[in-house]
């Protein structure tokens, strides 16, 4: 039986950049760095009108053959690690260790998430 290939952070390079999406009155902005040094850094904010109602600092790192997504909601929360459970060229799925539910982060398609970079 062949050994399973270890995930490579470079396969998430499509996530790098600035993204914006709209869900009803909620505007979601997200920015990700390119993979470098085994790490990608990101930040997100959700806005309703001119008010930020949610913010998150994010890190994806590769360590000992694993890829881990760590989220920190706001500035005072304890960081929460999530494990990568599935990765393809157009999607990354994560799960909080011990949780039965996972979350997918798909490659933008069909105009649902639009690239943007504020000047």
C-alpha atoms as a PDB file:
ATOM      1  CA  UNK A   1       0.000   0.000   0.000  1.00  0.00           C
ATOM      2  CA  UNK A   2       1.406   3.404  -1.002  1.00  0.00           C
ATOM      3  CA  UNK A   3       1.901   6.033   1.671  1.00  0.00           C
ATOM      4  CA  UNK A   4      -0.619   8.861   1.570  1.00  0.00           C
ATOM      5  CA  UNK A   5       0.859  12.108   0.214  1.00  0.00           C
ATOM      6  CA  UNK A   6       1.298  14.811   2.827  1.00  0.00           C
ATOM      7  CA  UNK A   7      -0.528  18.065   2.120  1.00  0.00           C
ATOM      8  CA  UNK A   8       1.548  20.962   0.806  1.00  0.00           C
ATOM      9  CA  UNK A   9       0.705  24.518   1.854  1.00  0.00           C
ATOM     10  CA  UNK A  10       1.624  25.705  -1.661  1.00  0.00           C
ATOM     11  CA  UNK A  11      -1.577  24.004  -2.869  1.00  0.00           C
ATOM     12  CA  UNK A  12      -3.535  26.728  -1.043  1.00  0.00           C
ATOM     13  CA  UNK A  13      -1.857  29.557  -3.002  1.00  0.00           C
ATOM     14  CA  UNK A  14      -5.194  30.199  -4.776  1.00  0.00           C
ATOM     15  CA  UNK A  15      -6.504  31.581  -1.478  1.00  0.00           C
ATOM     16  CA  UNK A  16      -3.929  34.425  -1.435  1.00  0.00           C
ATOM     17  CA  UNK A  17      -5.292  37.874  -2.175  1.00  0.00           C
ATOM     18  CA  UNK A  18      -8.211  40.050  -1.210  1.00  0.00           C
ATOM     19  CA  UNK A  19     -11.817  38.822  -1.352  1.00  0.00           C
ATOM     20  CA  UNK A  20     -15.203  40.372  -0.784  1.00  0.00           C
ATOM     21  CA  UNK A  21     -18.636  38.777  -0.588  1.00  0.00           C
ATOM     22  CA  UNK A  22     -22.139  39.949   0.183  1.00  0.00           C
ATOM     23  CA  UNK A  23     -24.818  37.971   2.067  1.00  0.00           C
ATOM     24  CA  UNK A  24     -27.895  40.160   2.327  1.00  0.00           C
ATOM     25  CA  UNK A  25     -26.883  43.304   4.253  1.00  0.00           C
ATOM     26  CA  UNK A  26     -23.637  41.688   5.445  1.00  0.00           C
ATOM     27  CA  UNK A  27     -20.383  42.496   3.600  1.00  0.00           C
ATOM     28  CA  UNK A  28     -17.515  40.066   4.211  1.00  0.00           C
ATOM     29  CA  UNK A  29     -13.921  41.084   3.468  1.00  0.00           C
ATOM     30  CA  UNK A  30     -10.997  38.689   3.686  1.00  0.00           C
ATOM     31  CA  UNK A  31      -7.295  39.078   2.901  1.00  0.00           C
ATOM     32  CA  UNK A  32      -4.668  36.299   2.723  1.00  0.00           C
ATOM     33  CA  UNK A  33      -0.902  36.423   2.214  1.00  0.00           C
ATOM     34  CA  UNK A  34       0.884  34.107  -0.204  1.00  0.00           C
ATOM     35  CA  UNK A  35       2.378  30.934   1.291  1.00  0.00           C
ATOM     36  CA  UNK A  36       5.886  31.691   2.592  1.00  0.00           C
ATOM     37  CA  UNK A  37       7.993  30.116   5.321  1.00  0.00           C
ATOM     38  CA  UNK A  38       5.361  27.418   5.852  1.00  0.00           C
ATOM     39  CA  UNK A  39       2.711  30.010   6.778  1.00  0.00           C
ATOM     40  CA  UNK A  40      -0.181  32.016   5.325  1.00  0.00           C
ATOM     41  CA  UNK A  41      -1.659  34.918   7.306  1.00  0.00           C
ATOM     42  CA  UNK A  42      -5.161  36.314   6.937  1.00  0.00           C
ATOM     43  CA  UNK A  43      -7.687  38.700   8.368  1.00  0.00           C
ATOM     44  CA  UNK A  44     -11.409  39.007   7.963  1.00  0.00           C
ATOM     45  CA  UNK A  45     -14.102  41.456   8.906  1.00  0.00           C
ATOM     46  CA  UNK A  46     -17.857  41.405   8.527  1.00  0.00           C
ATOM     47  CA  UNK A  47     -19.635  44.715   8.142  1.00  0.00           C
ATOM     48  CA  UNK A  48     -23.264  45.675   8.375  1.00  0.00           C
ATOM     49  CA  UNK A  49     -23.507  49.131   6.881  1.00  0.00           C
ATOM     50  CA  UNK A  50     -20.541  51.094   8.231  1.00  0.00           C
ATOM     51  CA  UNK A  51     -20.211  48.970  11.396  1.00  0.00           C
ATOM     52  CA  UNK A  52     -17.780  46.090  11.890  1.00  0.00           C
ATOM     53  CA  UNK A  53     -19.758  43.345  13.635  1.00  0.00           C
ATOM     54  CA  UNK A  54     -17.133  40.585  13.503  1.00  0.00           C
ATOM     55  CA  UNK A  55     -13.377  40.369  12.954  1.00  0.00           C
ATOM     56  CA  UNK A  56     -10.966  37.467  12.816  1.00  0.00           C
ATOM     57  CA  UNK A  57      -7.210  36.979  12.541  1.00  0.00           C
ATOM     58  CA  UNK A  58      -6.199  33.743  10.823  1.00  0.00           C
ATOM     59  CA  UNK A  59      -3.077  31.671  10.254  1.00  0.00           C
ATOM     60  CA  UNK A  60      -2.521  28.573   8.176  1.00  0.00           C
ATOM     61  CA  UNK A  61       0.750  26.814   8.860  1.00  0.00           C
ATOM     62  CA  UNK A  62       2.442  23.608   7.834  1.00  0.00           C
ATOM     63  CA  UNK A  63       4.162  21.720  10.598  1.00  0.00           C
ATOM     64  CA  UNK A  64       5.363  18.126  10.705  1.00  0.00           C
ATOM     65  CA  UNK A  65       3.441  17.219   7.558  1.00  0.00           C
ATOM     66  CA  UNK A  66       0.129  18.672   8.783  1.00  0.00           C
ATOM     67  CA  UNK A  67      -1.664  21.831   7.762  1.00  0.00           C
ATOM     68  CA  UNK A  68      -3.394  23.669  10.616  1.00  0.00           C
ATOM     69  CA  UNK A  69      -5.788  26.622  10.354  1.00  0.00           C
ATOM     70  CA  UNK A  70      -5.824  28.769  13.508  1.00  0.00           C
ATOM     71  CA  UNK A  71      -8.526  31.388  14.018  1.00  0.00           C
ATOM     72  CA  UNK A  72      -8.535  34.171  16.585  1.00  0.00           C
ATOM     73  CA  UNK A  73     -11.821  36.025  16.802  1.00  0.00           C
ATOM     74  CA  UNK A  74     -11.351  39.648  17.828  1.00  0.00           C
ATOM     75  CA  UNK A  75      -8.225  40.785  19.652  1.00  0.00           C
ATOM     76  CA  UNK A  76      -8.653  39.131  23.049  1.00  0.00           C
ATOM     77  CA  UNK A  77      -9.907  35.645  22.214  1.00  0.00           C
ATOM     78  CA  UNK A  78      -7.770  32.548  22.603  1.00  0.00           C
ATOM     79  CA  UNK A  79      -6.650  31.185  19.204  1.00  0.00           C
ATOM     80  CA  UNK A  80      -8.595  28.102  18.085  1.00  0.00           C
ATOM     81  CA  UNK A  81      -6.847  25.499  15.900  1.00  0.00           C
ATOM     82  CA  UNK A  82      -8.665  23.558  13.159  1.00  0.00           C
ATOM     83  CA  UNK A  83      -7.272  20.575  11.277  1.00  0.00           C
ATOM     84  CA  UNK A  84      -7.258  20.288   7.510  1.00  0.00           C
ATOM     85  CA  UNK A  85      -9.391  17.265   6.660  1.00  0.00           C
ATOM     86  CA  UNK A  86      -9.593  17.586   2.886  1.00  0.00           C
ATOM     87  CA  UNK A  87      -7.818  19.652   0.247  1.00  0.00           C
ATOM     88  CA  UNK A  88      -8.249  19.801  -3.514  1.00  0.00           C
ATOM     89  CA  UNK A  89      -7.134  22.316  -6.144  1.00  0.00           C
ATOM     90  CA  UNK A  90     -10.310  24.335  -5.531  1.00  0.00           C
ATOM     91  CA  UNK A  91     -11.337  23.731  -1.903  1.00  0.00           C
ATOM     92  CA  UNK A  92      -9.972  23.342   1.613  1.00  0.00           C
ATOM     93  CA  UNK A  93     -12.108  21.775   4.356  1.00  0.00           C
ATOM     94  CA  UNK A  94     -11.296  22.189   8.045  1.00  0.00           C
ATOM     95  CA  UNK A  95     -12.672  20.823  11.319  1.00  0.00           C
ATOM     96  CA  UNK A  96     -12.150  21.750  14.948  1.00  0.00           C
ATOM     97  CA  UNK A  97     -10.537  18.690  16.581  1.00  0.00           C
ATOM     98  CA  UNK A  98     -13.233  16.503  18.090  1.00  0.00           C
ATOM     99  CA  UNK A  99     -16.070  18.286  16.281  1.00  0.00           C
ATOM    100  CA  UNK A 100     -18.347  16.284  13.978  1.00  0.00           C
ATOM    101  CA  UNK A 101     -18.944  19.179  11.557  1.00  0.00           C
ATOM    102  CA  UNK A 102     -16.479  20.600   9.061  1.00  0.00           C
ATOM    103  CA  UNK A 103     -16.336  23.879   7.120  1.00  0.00           C
ATOM    104  CA  UNK A 104     -15.313  24.230   3.481  1.00  0.00           C
ATOM    105  CA  UNK A 105     -13.488  27.178   1.977  1.00  0.00           C
ATOM    106  CA  UNK A 106     -14.106  26.920  -1.778  1.00  0.00           C
ATOM    107  CA  UNK A 107     -12.237  28.607  -4.602  1.00  0.00           C
ATOM    108  CA  UNK A 108     -14.381  31.553  -5.747  1.00  0.00           C
ATOM    109  CA  UNK A 109     -16.612  30.622  -8.685  1.00  0.00           C
ATOM    110  CA  UNK A 110     -19.511  32.188 -10.491  1.00  0.00           C
ATOM    111  CA  UNK A 111     -19.084  35.617  -8.929  1.00  0.00           C
ATOM    112  CA  UNK A 112     -20.110  34.537  -5.425  1.00  0.00           C
ATOM    113  CA  UNK A 113     -16.891  35.924  -3.946  1.00  0.00           C
ATOM    114  CA  UNK A 114     -15.312  38.784  -5.815  1.00  0.00           C
ATOM    115  CA  UNK A 115     -11.621  39.686  -5.664  1.00  0.00           C
ATOM    116  CA  UNK A 116     -10.869  43.169  -4.421  1.00  0.00           C
ATOM    117  CA  UNK A 117      -7.841  44.995  -3.142  1.00  0.00           C
ATOM    118  CA  UNK A 118      -8.470  48.350  -1.498  1.00  0.00           C
ATOM    119  CA  UNK A 119      -6.141  51.102  -2.646  1.00  0.00           C
END
